[in-house]
Protein backbone atom coordinates (compact mmCIF):
# COMPACT_ATOMS: atom_id res chain seq x y z
CA MET A 1 73.93 -70.57 -55.87
CA LEU A 2 73.24 -71.79 -59.56
CA GLU A 3 72.99 -75.40 -58.42
CA TRP A 4 70.25 -74.48 -55.90
CA VAL A 5 68.12 -72.82 -58.52
CA GLN A 6 68.82 -75.81 -60.78
CA THR A 7 67.62 -78.25 -58.12
CA VAL A 8 64.70 -76.27 -56.50
CA GLY A 9 63.52 -74.56 -59.64
CA PRO A 10 62.01 -77.55 -61.51
CA ILE A 11 60.32 -78.62 -58.26
CA LEU A 12 58.66 -75.17 -57.66
CA PHE A 13 57.77 -74.76 -61.32
CA SER A 14 56.61 -78.29 -62.01
CA TRP A 15 53.46 -78.93 -64.01
CA PRO A 16 51.24 -79.82 -61.02
CA VAL A 17 52.40 -76.80 -59.15
CA ALA A 18 51.92 -74.71 -62.18
CA ILE A 19 48.48 -76.01 -62.63
CA VAL A 20 47.44 -75.32 -58.99
CA ILE A 21 48.82 -71.74 -59.33
CA ALA A 22 46.95 -71.17 -62.56
CA LEU A 23 43.71 -72.66 -61.06
CA LEU A 24 43.99 -70.33 -58.10
CA VAL A 25 44.70 -67.10 -60.20
CA LEU A 26 42.21 -68.02 -62.97
CA ARG A 27 39.41 -69.72 -60.83
CA LYS A 28 36.71 -66.97 -61.51
CA PRO A 29 37.23 -66.81 -65.22
CA LEU A 30 37.28 -70.67 -65.45
CA ALA A 31 33.97 -70.78 -63.41
CA ARG A 32 32.47 -68.26 -65.70
CA LEU A 33 33.55 -70.13 -68.70
CA LEU A 34 32.05 -73.33 -67.37
CA GLU A 35 28.76 -71.64 -66.58
CA ARG A 36 28.72 -70.33 -70.15
CA PHE A 37 29.17 -73.77 -71.69
CA THR A 38 27.04 -75.80 -69.21
CA GLY A 39 24.30 -73.03 -68.74
CA GLU A 40 24.33 -73.73 -64.94
CA ASP A 41 25.61 -71.81 -62.07
CA VAL A 42 28.76 -73.48 -61.07
CA GLN A 43 29.22 -73.69 -57.29
CA ARG A 44 32.30 -75.92 -57.25
CA LEU A 45 35.23 -76.43 -59.52
CA LYS A 46 37.39 -79.58 -58.97
CA VAL A 47 40.51 -80.28 -60.98
CA GLY A 48 42.49 -83.33 -59.58
CA GLY A 49 42.76 -83.07 -55.95
CA VAL A 50 42.17 -79.38 -55.86
CA GLU A 51 38.59 -78.07 -55.16
CA LEU A 52 37.71 -74.45 -55.29
CA GLU A 53 34.38 -73.19 -54.00
CA ARG A 54 32.70 -69.86 -54.99
CA ALA A 55 31.30 -67.78 -52.35
CA ILE A 56 27.92 -67.58 -54.19
CA ASP A 57 26.30 -70.18 -52.00
CA ARG A 58 27.07 -68.36 -48.84
CA VAL A 59 26.07 -65.02 -50.24
CA GLU A 60 22.74 -66.48 -51.31
CA ARG A 61 22.08 -68.03 -47.99
CA ARG A 62 22.84 -64.59 -46.32
CA GLN A 63 20.56 -62.80 -48.80
CA ASP A 64 17.80 -65.25 -48.17
CA LEU A 65 18.16 -64.67 -44.45
CA GLN A 66 18.13 -60.97 -44.85
CA ALA A 67 15.00 -61.10 -47.07
CA GLU A 68 13.24 -63.10 -44.29
CA GLU A 69 14.36 -60.56 -41.69
CA ILE A 70 13.18 -57.63 -43.80
CA ARG A 71 9.85 -59.44 -44.37
CA ALA A 72 9.49 -59.91 -40.52
CA ILE A 73 10.24 -56.23 -39.91
CA GLN A 74 7.65 -55.37 -42.59
CA ILE A 75 5.00 -57.37 -40.89
CA GLY A 76 6.05 -56.06 -37.46
CA LEU A 77 5.85 -52.42 -38.51
CA LYS A 78 2.59 -52.99 -40.22
CA GLY A 79 1.08 -54.77 -37.18
CA VAL A 80 2.03 -52.11 -34.72
CA LEU A 81 -1.20 -50.12 -35.48
CA THR A 82 -4.61 -51.26 -36.54
CA LYS A 83 -5.98 -49.96 -39.87
CA HIS A 84 -8.35 -47.55 -37.91
CA GLU A 85 -5.22 -46.23 -35.84
CA LEU A 86 -3.13 -45.86 -38.93
CA GLY A 87 -6.01 -43.94 -40.72
CA LEU A 88 -6.17 -41.35 -37.77
CA LEU A 89 -2.38 -41.03 -37.73
CA ARG A 90 -2.17 -40.53 -41.38
CA GLY A 91 -5.06 -37.87 -41.31
CA LEU A 92 -3.28 -36.08 -38.59
CA ALA A 93 -0.04 -36.05 -40.58
CA GLY A 94 -1.79 -34.61 -43.59
CA PRO A 95 -2.43 -30.97 -44.50
CA GLY A 96 -5.70 -29.20 -43.62
CA PRO A 97 -8.22 -30.28 -41.14
CA MET A 98 -8.94 -33.94 -40.03
CA THR A 99 -12.62 -34.12 -40.07
CA ILE A 100 -14.13 -37.21 -38.40
CA ARG A 101 -17.32 -38.33 -36.61
CA TYR A 102 -17.57 -39.73 -33.13
CA GLU A 103 -17.63 -43.44 -32.70
CA PRO A 104 -17.41 -45.38 -29.37
CA ASP A 105 -13.99 -46.97 -30.09
CA LEU A 106 -12.48 -43.58 -30.99
CA TYR A 107 -11.06 -42.93 -27.47
CA GLY A 108 -9.39 -46.38 -27.39
CA TYR A 109 -7.74 -45.67 -30.85
CA LEU A 110 -6.48 -42.30 -29.66
CA HIS A 111 -5.35 -43.44 -26.25
CA ARG A 112 -3.17 -46.21 -27.80
CA LEU A 113 -1.60 -43.66 -30.25
CA ASP A 114 -0.87 -41.45 -27.36
CA GLY A 115 0.53 -44.30 -25.40
CA LEU A 116 2.91 -45.09 -28.26
CA GLY A 117 4.04 -41.39 -28.37
CA PHE A 118 2.69 -40.85 -31.84
CA ILE A 119 0.09 -38.26 -31.06
CA GLN A 120 0.09 -35.53 -28.24
CA PRO A 121 -3.15 -34.08 -26.86
CA HIS A 122 -3.46 -30.27 -26.88
CA PRO A 123 -3.40 -28.93 -23.41
CA GLY A 124 -6.94 -28.50 -22.08
CA ARG A 125 -8.45 -30.04 -25.26
CA GLY A 126 -7.25 -33.62 -25.22
CA LEU A 127 -8.77 -37.03 -25.31
CA PHE A 128 -11.12 -36.27 -22.46
CA ALA A 129 -12.66 -33.24 -24.19
CA ILE A 130 -13.45 -35.36 -27.26
CA GLU A 131 -15.41 -37.65 -24.94
CA GLU A 132 -17.15 -34.91 -23.16
CA GLU A 133 -18.11 -32.93 -26.21
CA HIS A 134 -18.95 -35.82 -28.49
CA ARG A 135 -19.94 -38.96 -26.53
CA ASP A 136 -23.57 -38.04 -26.81
CA ASP A 137 -23.34 -37.84 -30.60
CA GLU A 138 -23.63 -41.71 -30.48
CA HIS A 139 -27.12 -41.46 -28.98
CA LEU A 140 -28.45 -39.06 -31.67
CA PRO A 141 -31.37 -40.51 -33.81
CA VAL A 142 -29.18 -40.43 -36.98
CA ALA A 143 -26.90 -42.90 -38.74
CA PRO A 144 -23.40 -42.91 -37.66
CA HIS A 145 -22.27 -41.35 -41.00
CA GLU A 146 -24.70 -38.49 -40.27
CA ARG A 147 -23.35 -37.72 -36.83
CA PRO A 148 -21.82 -34.12 -36.39
CA PRO A 149 -18.32 -33.90 -37.77
CA PHE A 150 -15.37 -32.37 -35.80
CA ASP A 151 -11.76 -31.50 -36.58
CA LEU A 152 -9.60 -33.97 -34.71
CA LYS A 153 -6.65 -31.70 -35.04
CA ASP A 154 -8.45 -29.26 -32.55
CA TYR A 155 -7.83 -31.95 -29.94
CA VAL A 156 -4.53 -33.65 -30.76
CA GLN A 157 -1.46 -33.34 -32.94
CA ILE A 158 0.89 -35.80 -34.42
CA THR A 159 4.35 -35.94 -32.83
CA ASP A 160 7.76 -36.25 -34.52
CA GLU A 161 7.78 -39.83 -33.47
CA GLY A 162 4.57 -40.44 -35.23
CA ARG A 163 5.65 -38.82 -38.37
CA HIS A 164 9.05 -40.84 -38.28
CA TYR A 165 6.97 -44.09 -37.85
CA LEU A 166 4.86 -43.16 -40.91
CA GLY A 167 7.83 -42.34 -43.00
CA ILE A 168 9.49 -45.66 -42.15
CA LEU A 169 6.37 -47.65 -42.62
CA ASN A 170 5.53 -45.92 -46.00
CA ALA A 171 9.15 -46.35 -47.25
CA ILE A 172 9.21 -50.12 -46.45
CA LEU A 173 5.66 -50.62 -48.00
CA ARG A 174 6.79 -48.88 -51.07
CA ARG A 175 9.93 -51.02 -51.41
CA ALA A 176 7.83 -54.13 -50.95
CA GLU A 177 5.47 -53.15 -53.72
CA GLU A 178 8.46 -52.33 -56.04
CA HIS A 179 9.84 -55.85 -55.61
CA ARG A 180 6.70 -57.76 -56.18
């Protein structure tokens, strides 16, 4: 048995094998040391015929892809509603009355919010009631900002889905602002 150890031992623990083992074990500290002396992010370390790659490049590519996907989601969420629809939804989510004045496009905004499941008309007081009760306000001999106000919450309410959408949108927009 001693002869086997004397024959195989020097082969297993020869300098080249010892260097390869040391490089494998010490690859991260060696890469950090090289970065420190070169001032550059070391992506590859090649010693002799052995090349060691760090996973930094793959991680950076994955992060770049995720950042692009997040930006696409932000744009998509922001683009679901127009600024007019978003204003109505935010007003309905807020405390107290949602006082507005009639405008010709109001029914279209509310109909779309209803179609998305973000608002729910009150029974007997829904979207048609707004049209019936306030459509003639448009023809009054006053400026649009002087038309009679009414509380939109008397006609519709925000749904849980609408609140959830606003929560997600606000959180994403807040994070986007923090990372600028």
